[in-house]
């Protein structure tokens, strides 16, 4: 698929995840193409792709509708992610990190330490954490030397909150979000320590717990959707193609 086509898919997926396109909203090719400033062809392909991902439902007539994703689906996909990333952490510990991987992970941990040192966060801080978090997880998956893990994760990550690249936060309660993300950062320290010391079982357990912590803000997101509120979703579009 061309890069413009991939961009359209990523853009629409992000609009769904962020709530810009709401559950039950109808989508048609021409208005959507005009909104995104593209032709109808990439829109048509994107609609079909997002239908396959379970984010859109094809209507009996023309067009599609944004599908409501259930809490059970979110929980299931997060649990699968935890299993896969836990396996990656265990195998990374068994393989031993390279010097370059060890250095970069330590640099990412130091960046996180500096970010949380001031005792509060803002949306710009969370954008920085998003990039650091994504790279931290990516290095561990690479260090597993198991390409099947990355392939399985790519198939699982298209549901909301299933991908490590999607971070949702409540912009109206940043004090609470500081505590949550600071705790996640401490888990990064713990999993690095386990991997660096070759403690495969410990690394796997911590990484699984780290992924399952996502359940908490997935539930918050669902509740806010019911109340008509919105949470901000940070998502690197290139990472979810």
Protein backbone atom coordinates (compact mmCIF):
# COMPACT_ATOMS: atom_id res chain seq x y z
CA UNK A 1 0.00 0.00 0.00
CA UNK A 2 1.24 3.53 -0.75
CA UNK A 3 2.28 5.84 2.05
CA UNK A 4 -0.66 8.20 1.37
CA UNK A 5 -3.00 5.22 1.65
CA UNK A 6 -1.37 4.14 4.91
CA UNK A 7 -1.68 7.68 6.22
CA UNK A 8 -5.42 7.77 5.52
CA UNK A 9 -5.94 4.49 7.39
CA UNK A 10 -3.86 5.74 10.31
CA UNK A 11 -5.65 9.09 10.40
CA UNK A 12 -9.11 7.50 10.45
CA UNK A 13 -8.03 4.97 13.07
CA UNK A 14 -6.75 7.80 15.26
CA UNK A 15 -10.00 9.73 14.83
CA UNK A 16 -11.93 6.69 16.03
CA UNK A 17 -9.65 6.01 18.99
CA UNK A 18 -9.73 9.64 20.13
CA UNK A 19 -13.52 9.87 19.87
CA UNK A 20 -13.43 12.45 17.10
CA UNK A 21 -15.46 9.89 15.17
CA UNK A 22 -18.01 8.62 17.69
CA UNK A 23 -19.57 5.19 18.08
CA UNK A 24 -22.62 4.92 15.82
CA UNK A 25 -21.50 7.73 13.53
CA UNK A 26 -22.08 7.08 9.84
CA UNK A 27 -19.27 7.55 7.35
CA UNK A 28 -19.50 7.99 3.61
CA UNK A 29 -16.71 8.09 1.03
CA UNK A 30 -17.23 11.53 -0.48
CA UNK A 31 -17.57 13.61 2.72
CA UNK A 32 -14.68 11.76 4.35
CA UNK A 33 -12.48 12.23 1.28
CA UNK A 34 -13.27 15.95 1.28
CA UNK A 35 -12.55 16.21 5.00
CA UNK A 36 -9.13 14.57 4.65
CA UNK A 37 -8.32 16.19 1.31
CA UNK A 38 -7.79 12.95 -0.61
CA UNK A 39 -9.48 11.03 -3.41
CA UNK A 40 -12.17 8.42 -2.82
CA UNK A 41 -9.86 5.46 -3.57
CA UNK A 42 -7.75 5.58 -0.38
CA UNK A 43 -10.92 6.24 1.63
CA UNK A 44 -12.56 3.15 0.16
CA UNK A 45 -9.49 1.04 1.00
CA UNK A 46 -9.31 2.53 4.50
CA UNK A 47 -12.96 1.76 5.20
CA UNK A 48 -12.46 -1.87 4.22
CA UNK A 49 -9.30 -2.15 6.30
CA UNK A 50 -10.94 -0.65 9.37
CA UNK A 51 -13.90 -2.96 8.91
CA UNK A 52 -11.51 -5.91 9.04
CA UNK A 53 -10.00 -4.49 12.21
CA UNK A 54 -13.41 -4.36 13.81
CA UNK A 55 -13.58 -0.58 14.05
CA UNK A 56 -16.19 -0.04 11.32
CA UNK A 57 -19.36 -1.88 10.33
CA UNK A 58 -20.53 -1.95 6.72
CA UNK A 59 -24.11 -0.77 6.38
CA UNK A 60 -26.67 -2.61 4.26
CA UNK A 61 -26.85 0.38 1.96
CA UNK A 62 -23.88 2.58 1.24
CA UNK A 63 -21.32 3.65 3.76
CA UNK A 64 -20.04 2.46 7.11
CA UNK A 65 -20.70 3.09 10.78
CA UNK A 66 -18.20 3.46 13.61
CA UNK A 67 -18.60 0.34 15.72
CA UNK A 68 -18.78 0.43 19.49
CA UNK A 69 -15.92 -1.61 20.90
CA UNK A 70 -16.90 -3.49 24.06
CA UNK A 71 -15.00 -3.58 27.32
CA UNK A 72 -14.61 -7.35 26.88
CA UNK A 73 -12.84 -6.85 23.55
CA UNK A 74 -10.53 -4.24 25.03
CA UNK A 75 -9.72 -6.44 28.03
CA UNK A 76 -9.06 -9.45 25.83
CA UNK A 77 -6.70 -7.63 23.51
CA UNK A 78 -4.80 -6.08 26.44
CA UNK A 79 -4.40 -9.49 28.05
CA UNK A 80 -2.99 -10.91 24.82
CA UNK A 81 -0.57 -7.99 24.62
CA UNK A 82 0.57 -8.72 28.17
CA UNK A 83 1.30 -12.34 27.32
CA UNK A 84 3.26 -11.40 24.20
CA UNK A 85 5.27 -8.60 25.81
CA UNK A 86 5.92 -10.78 28.84
CA UNK A 87 7.35 -13.44 26.53
CA UNK A 88 9.49 -10.79 24.83
CA UNK A 89 10.88 -9.63 28.18
CA UNK A 90 11.69 -13.20 29.26
CA UNK A 91 13.46 -14.00 26.01
CA UNK A 92 15.32 -10.67 26.11
CA UNK A 93 16.61 -11.63 29.58
CA UNK A 94 17.63 -15.06 28.36
CA UNK A 95 19.39 -13.64 25.28
CA UNK A 96 21.23 -10.88 27.18
CA UNK A 97 20.92 -7.26 26.03
CA UNK A 98 23.51 -5.86 23.68
CA UNK A 99 25.66 -2.97 24.89
CA UNK A 100 23.78 -0.60 22.58
CA UNK A 101 20.39 -1.77 23.86
CA UNK A 102 21.50 -1.47 27.48
CA UNK A 103 22.79 2.04 26.88
CA UNK A 104 19.63 3.22 25.14
CA UNK A 105 17.32 1.71 27.75
CA UNK A 106 19.28 3.44 30.50
CA UNK A 107 19.06 6.72 28.61
CA UNK A 108 15.28 6.33 28.27
CA UNK A 109 14.97 5.59 31.99
CA UNK A 110 17.02 8.69 32.79
CA UNK A 111 14.78 10.80 30.56
CA UNK A 112 11.77 9.46 32.43
CA UNK A 113 13.39 10.17 35.79
CA UNK A 114 13.96 13.78 34.74
CA UNK A 115 10.41 14.07 33.43
CA UNK A 116 8.78 12.98 36.68
CA UNK A 117 11.28 14.70 38.99
CA UNK A 118 9.27 17.95 39.18
CA UNK A 119 6.26 16.15 40.70
CA UNK A 120 3.71 17.09 38.06
CA UNK A 121 3.05 16.63 34.34
CA UNK A 122 1.36 18.48 31.52
CA UNK A 123 0.22 17.36 28.08
CA UNK A 124 3.61 18.15 26.55
CA UNK A 125 5.28 15.93 29.15
CA UNK A 126 2.90 13.11 28.30
CA UNK A 127 3.71 13.47 24.61
CA UNK A 128 7.39 13.05 25.52
CA UNK A 129 6.57 10.05 27.71
CA UNK A 130 4.59 8.53 24.84
CA UNK A 131 7.66 8.50 22.60
CA UNK A 132 9.96 7.22 25.35
CA UNK A 133 7.50 4.50 26.33
CA UNK A 134 7.07 3.32 22.77
CA UNK A 135 10.81 3.08 22.18
CA UNK A 136 11.38 1.30 25.52
CA UNK A 137 8.91 -1.43 24.58
CA UNK A 138 10.26 -1.65 21.04
CA UNK A 139 13.80 -2.32 22.26
CA UNK A 140 12.62 -5.16 24.48
CA UNK A 141 10.70 -6.75 21.60
CA UNK A 142 13.78 -6.43 19.38
CA UNK A 143 15.96 -7.92 22.12
CA UNK A 144 13.73 -11.00 22.26
CA UNK A 145 15.13 -11.98 18.83
CA UNK A 146 11.70 -13.44 18.10
CA UNK A 147 10.08 -11.83 15.04
CA UNK A 148 6.90 -13.82 15.66
CA UNK A 149 6.22 -11.64 18.72
CA UNK A 150 6.30 -8.42 16.72
CA UNK A 151 4.09 -9.99 14.06
CA UNK A 152 1.55 -11.19 16.63
CA UNK A 153 1.51 -7.79 18.34
CA UNK A 154 0.88 -6.03 15.05
CA UNK A 155 -2.19 -8.19 14.51
CA UNK A 156 -3.51 -7.52 17.99
CA UNK A 157 -2.81 -3.84 18.40
CA UNK A 158 -5.57 -2.32 16.28
CA UNK A 159 -8.19 -2.37 19.02
CA UNK A 160 -8.22 0.64 21.37
CA UNK A 161 -5.63 0.37 24.16
CA UNK A 162 -4.20 -2.85 22.72
CA UNK A 163 -1.17 -1.03 21.32
CA UNK A 164 1.61 0.38 23.46
CA UNK A 165 1.62 3.36 21.08
CA UNK A 166 -1.84 4.46 22.26
CA UNK A 167 -1.82 6.28 25.58
CA UNK A 168 -5.07 7.74 26.88
CA UNK A 169 -5.17 10.25 29.69
CA UNK A 170 -7.66 12.43 31.49
CA UNK A 171 -6.60 16.01 30.81
CA UNK A 172 -8.93 17.19 33.60
CA UNK A 173 -7.09 15.20 36.27
CA UNK A 174 -3.39 15.48 35.54
CA UNK A 175 -2.47 14.99 39.20
CA UNK A 176 -3.94 11.50 39.05
CA UNK A 177 -2.26 10.88 35.70
CA UNK A 178 1.10 11.89 37.18
CA UNK A 179 0.79 9.13 39.76
CA UNK A 180 -0.28 6.58 37.16
CA UNK A 181 2.45 7.31 34.63
CA UNK A 182 5.12 7.67 37.30
CA UNK A 183 4.19 4.19 38.56
CA UNK A 184 4.41 2.85 34.99
CA UNK A 185 7.88 4.40 34.74
CA UNK A 186 8.92 2.63 37.95
CA UNK A 187 7.77 -0.61 36.32
CA UNK A 188 10.11 0.20 33.43
CA UNK A 189 12.97 0.39 35.92
CA UNK A 190 11.97 -2.96 37.43
CA UNK A 191 11.65 -4.79 34.12
CA UNK A 192 15.00 -3.41 32.91
CA UNK A 193 16.66 -4.56 36.12
CA UNK A 194 15.22 -8.05 35.67
CA UNK A 195 16.23 -8.29 32.00
CA UNK A 196 19.71 -6.87 32.65
CA UNK A 197 20.30 -9.44 35.40
CA UNK A 198 19.03 -12.35 33.32
CA UNK A 199 15.95 -12.92 35.48
CA UNK A 200 13.60 -14.15 32.79
CA UNK A 201 10.64 -15.22 34.92
CA UNK A 202 10.69 -11.98 36.91
CA UNK A 203 10.94 -9.89 33.75
CA UNK A 204 7.98 -11.72 32.23
CA UNK A 205 5.81 -11.23 35.33
CA UNK A 206 6.57 -7.51 35.59
CA UNK A 207 5.92 -6.92 31.88
CA UNK A 208 2.60 -8.74 32.03
CA UNK A 209 1.53 -6.66 35.02
CA UNK A 210 2.73 -3.52 33.22
CA UNK A 211 0.49 -4.27 30.25
CA UNK A 212 -2.49 -5.24 32.40
CA UNK A 213 -2.33 -1.87 34.17
CA UNK A 214 -3.87 -0.56 30.95
CA UNK A 215 -7.16 -2.11 32.06
CA UNK A 216 -7.57 0.75 34.51
CA UNK A 217 -7.58 3.58 32.03
CA UNK A 218 -9.50 1.51 29.50
CA UNK A 219 -12.32 1.36 32.04
CA UNK A 220 -11.99 5.08 32.72
CA UNK A 221 -12.20 5.73 28.99
CA UNK A 222 -15.35 3.61 28.66
CA UNK A 223 -17.01 5.38 31.58
CA UNK A 224 -16.21 8.81 30.20
CA UNK A 225 -17.61 7.80 26.83
CA UNK A 226 -20.87 6.92 28.56
CA UNK A 227 -20.89 10.33 30.26
CA UNK A 228 -20.26 12.16 27.00
CA UNK A 229 -16.74 13.19 28.05
CA UNK A 230 -13.55 12.72 26.08
CA UNK A 231 -10.10 11.54 26.96
CA UNK A 232 -7.06 12.55 24.99
CA UNK A 233 -5.41 9.71 23.08
CA UNK A 234 -1.77 10.04 22.06
CA UNK A 235 -0.99 7.81 19.15
CA UNK A 236 1.96 7.63 16.79
CA UNK A 237 0.24 7.01 13.48
CA UNK A 238 3.26 5.45 11.82
CA UNK A 239 3.45 2.84 14.56
CA UNK A 240 -0.06 1.48 14.06
CA UNK A 241 -0.04 1.02 10.31
